Amino acid sequence: MKRFVQFIAGAICPECKSKDTIALNPSDDEIYCVKCDFIEKRPELKDLKKESEIKVINIQDFKKNRDKNQ
């Protein structure tokens, strides 16, 4: 049975700077470069900073606060 390699489109390797050479190993959540020896564990959701979350605001509230401060 053939093993399929899943590539991450547009990804650039941090070591060799090659584009489209980063692949994903789904069995152990590693990403690796097929051109050089770069290997890294895929980040987990809990590792991501909370600052990267999208903040949703009501546009009317924003306008009211903006108008108060002017």
N, C-alpha and C. Protein backbone atom coordinates (compact mmCIF):
# COMPACT_ATOMS: atom_id res chain seq x y z
N MET A 1 0.84 -1.18 0.00
CA MET A 1 0.00 0.00 0.00
C MET A 1 0.88 1.24 0.00
N LYS A 2 0.57 2.18 -0.88
CA LYS A 2 1.35 3.41 -0.98
C LYS A 2 1.01 4.37 0.14
N ARG A 3 2.01 5.10 0.59
CA ARG A 3 1.83 6.12 1.62
C ARG A 3 1.76 7.47 0.94
N PHE A 4 0.68 8.20 1.18
CA PHE A 4 0.51 9.51 0.58
C PHE A 4 1.08 10.57 1.50
N VAL A 5 1.76 11.54 0.91
CA VAL A 5 2.35 12.64 1.66
C VAL A 5 1.45 13.86 1.45
N GLN A 6 1.07 14.49 2.55
CA GLN A 6 0.24 15.69 2.48
C GLN A 6 1.13 16.91 2.66
N PHE A 7 1.18 17.75 1.64
CA PHE A 7 2.00 18.95 1.68
C PHE A 7 1.18 20.14 2.14
N ILE A 8 1.84 21.12 2.75
CA ILE A 8 1.20 22.35 3.18
C ILE A 8 1.49 23.39 2.11
N ALA A 9 0.46 23.76 1.37
CA ALA A 9 0.62 24.66 0.22
C ALA A 9 1.18 26.01 0.64
N GLY A 10 2.20 26.45 -0.06
CA GLY A 10 2.78 27.77 0.17
C GLY A 10 3.70 27.87 1.37
N ALA A 11 3.88 26.78 2.11
CA ALA A 11 4.73 26.82 3.30
C ALA A 11 6.20 26.90 2.89
N ILE A 12 6.95 27.69 3.64
CA ILE A 12 8.38 27.86 3.38
C ILE A 12 9.16 27.24 4.53
N CYS A 13 10.13 26.42 4.22
CA CYS A 13 10.94 25.76 5.24
C CYS A 13 11.78 26.80 5.98
N PRO A 14 11.76 26.80 7.32
CA PRO A 14 12.54 27.77 8.07
C PRO A 14 14.05 27.56 7.96
N GLU A 15 14.47 26.37 7.59
CA GLU A 15 15.92 26.11 7.49
C GLU A 15 16.48 26.33 6.10
N CYS A 16 15.91 25.65 5.10
CA CYS A 16 16.48 25.76 3.75
C CYS A 16 15.77 26.80 2.88
N LYS A 17 14.67 27.39 3.39
CA LYS A 17 13.92 28.45 2.71
C LYS A 17 13.27 28.01 1.41
N SER A 18 13.10 26.71 1.22
CA SER A 18 12.43 26.20 0.02
C SER A 18 10.93 26.29 0.19
N LYS A 19 10.24 26.64 -0.88
CA LYS A 19 8.79 26.77 -0.84
C LYS A 19 8.15 25.45 -1.29
N ASP A 20 7.03 25.12 -0.68
CA ASP A 20 6.24 23.93 -1.01
C ASP A 20 6.98 22.62 -0.76
N THR A 21 7.85 22.59 0.25
CA THR A 21 8.55 21.34 0.59
C THR A 21 8.18 20.85 1.98
N ILE A 22 7.26 21.55 2.68
CA ILE A 22 6.85 21.15 4.02
C ILE A 22 5.68 20.17 3.90
N ALA A 23 5.85 19.02 4.54
CA ALA A 23 4.83 17.97 4.50
C ALA A 23 4.37 17.66 5.92
N LEU A 24 3.23 17.04 6.01
CA LEU A 24 2.62 16.71 7.29
C LEU A 24 2.60 15.19 7.45
N ASN A 25 3.06 14.74 8.62
CA ASN A 25 3.00 13.33 8.96
C ASN A 25 1.81 13.16 9.91
N PRO A 26 0.66 12.69 9.42
CA PRO A 26 -0.54 12.66 10.26
C PRO A 26 -0.48 11.67 11.42
N SER A 27 0.38 10.68 11.34
CA SER A 27 0.41 9.67 12.40
C SER A 27 1.01 10.19 13.70
N ASP A 28 1.96 11.12 13.63
CA ASP A 28 2.56 11.64 14.86
C ASP A 28 2.58 13.16 14.93
N ASP A 29 1.77 13.82 14.10
CA ASP A 29 1.62 15.27 14.11
C ASP A 29 2.95 16.01 13.99
N GLU A 30 3.80 15.55 13.10
CA GLU A 30 5.05 16.26 12.81
C GLU A 30 4.96 16.88 11.44
N ILE A 31 5.61 18.04 11.30
CA ILE A 31 5.80 18.61 9.98
C ILE A 31 7.28 18.49 9.65
N TYR A 32 7.58 18.29 8.39
CA TYR A 32 8.98 18.10 8.00
C TYR A 32 9.19 18.60 6.58
N CYS A 33 10.45 18.89 6.29
CA CYS A 33 10.83 19.33 4.95
C CYS A 33 11.36 18.14 4.18
N VAL A 34 10.91 17.98 2.95
CA VAL A 34 11.37 16.85 2.13
C VAL A 34 12.72 17.15 1.46
N LYS A 35 13.19 18.41 1.57
CA LYS A 35 14.44 18.78 0.93
C LYS A 35 15.63 18.79 1.91
N CYS A 36 15.37 19.15 3.17
CA CYS A 36 16.45 19.18 4.17
C CYS A 36 16.04 18.34 5.38
N ASP A 37 16.73 18.47 6.49
CA ASP A 37 16.46 17.64 7.67
C ASP A 37 15.54 18.31 8.69
N PHE A 38 14.81 19.34 8.31
CA PHE A 38 13.95 20.05 9.25
C PHE A 38 12.77 19.18 9.69
N ILE A 39 12.56 19.09 11.01
CA ILE A 39 11.41 18.38 11.59
C ILE A 39 10.92 19.22 12.77
N GLU A 40 9.59 19.33 12.91
CA GLU A 40 9.02 20.09 14.02
C GLU A 40 7.67 19.49 14.38
N LYS A 41 7.36 19.50 15.67
CA LYS A 41 6.04 19.07 16.12
C LYS A 41 5.02 20.11 15.69
N ARG A 42 3.88 19.68 15.23
CA ARG A 42 2.82 20.60 14.83
C ARG A 42 2.26 21.27 16.08
N PRO A 43 2.06 22.60 16.07
CA PRO A 43 1.56 23.28 17.27
C PRO A 43 0.14 22.81 17.60
N GLU A 44 -0.14 22.73 18.90
CA GLU A 44 -1.47 22.35 19.35
C GLU A 44 -2.29 23.59 19.60
N LEU A 45 -3.59 23.45 19.63
CA LEU A 45 -4.47 24.60 19.83
C LEU A 45 -4.20 25.28 21.16
N LYS A 46 -3.90 24.51 22.20
CA LYS A 46 -3.66 25.13 23.50
C LYS A 46 -2.36 25.93 23.53
N ASP A 47 -1.46 25.67 22.58
CA ASP A 47 -0.20 26.39 22.51
C ASP A 47 -0.35 27.77 21.85
N LEU A 48 -1.43 27.96 21.13
CA LEU A 48 -1.62 29.23 20.44
C LEU A 48 -1.99 30.31 21.44
N LYS A 49 -1.51 31.51 21.21
CA LYS A 49 -1.80 32.62 22.11
C LYS A 49 -3.26 33.05 21.97
N LYS A 50 -3.84 33.48 23.07
CA LYS A 50 -5.21 33.95 23.04
C LYS A 50 -5.33 35.25 22.25
N GLU A 51 -4.25 35.95 22.08
CA GLU A 51 -4.27 37.19 21.32
C GLU A 51 -4.60 36.95 19.86
N SER A 52 -4.39 35.74 19.39
CA SER A 52 -4.66 35.45 17.99
C SER A 52 -6.14 35.20 17.73
N GLU A 53 -6.95 35.16 18.79
CA GLU A 53 -8.38 34.97 18.62
C GLU A 53 -8.99 36.21 17.98
N ILE A 54 -10.01 36.00 17.21
CA ILE A 54 -10.71 37.11 16.56
C ILE A 54 -11.63 37.76 17.57
N LYS A 55 -11.54 39.07 17.69
CA LYS A 55 -12.40 39.81 18.61
C LYS A 55 -13.54 40.41 17.82
N VAL A 56 -14.76 40.10 18.22
CA VAL A 56 -15.94 40.58 17.53
C VAL A 56 -16.55 41.70 18.35
N ILE A 57 -16.84 42.81 17.67
CA ILE A 57 -17.48 43.94 18.35
C ILE A 57 -18.70 44.37 17.54
N ASN A 58 -19.63 44.99 18.22
CA ASN A 58 -20.81 45.53 17.58
C ASN A 58 -20.44 46.89 16.99
N ILE A 59 -20.71 47.11 15.72
CA ILE A 59 -20.28 48.34 15.05
C ILE A 59 -20.98 49.57 15.64
N GLN A 60 -22.26 49.42 16.06
CA GLN A 60 -22.95 50.56 16.67
C GLN A 60 -22.29 50.95 17.99
N ASP A 61 -21.90 49.98 18.80
CA ASP A 61 -21.20 50.27 20.06
C ASP A 61 -19.86 50.94 19.79
N PHE A 62 -19.17 50.49 18.77
CA PHE A 62 -17.89 51.09 18.41
C PHE A 62 -18.07 52.56 18.04
N LYS A 63 -19.08 52.83 17.22
CA LYS A 63 -19.33 54.21 16.79
C LYS A 63 -19.73 55.10 17.95
N LYS A 64 -20.55 54.57 18.88
CA LYS A 64 -20.94 55.35 20.05
C LYS A 64 -19.72 55.70 20.90
N ASN A 65 -18.86 54.74 21.16
CA ASN A 65 -17.64 54.99 21.95
C ASN A 65 -16.71 55.93 21.23
N ARG A 66 -16.60 55.82 19.94
CA ARG A 66 -15.73 56.70 19.16
C ARG A 66 -16.25 58.13 19.22
N ASP A 67 -17.56 58.30 19.09
CA ASP A 67 -18.14 59.63 19.10
C ASP A 67 -18.02 60.28 20.47
N LYS A 68 -18.09 59.50 21.55
CA LYS A 68 -17.92 60.03 22.90
C LYS A 68 -16.52 60.58 23.11
N ASN A 69 -15.53 59.92 22.52
CA ASN A 69 -14.14 60.30 22.73
C ASN A 69 -13.68 61.44 21.82
N GLN A 70 -14.52 61.89 20.93
CA GLN A 70 -14.11 62.98 20.02
C GLN A 70 -14.49 64.33 20.55
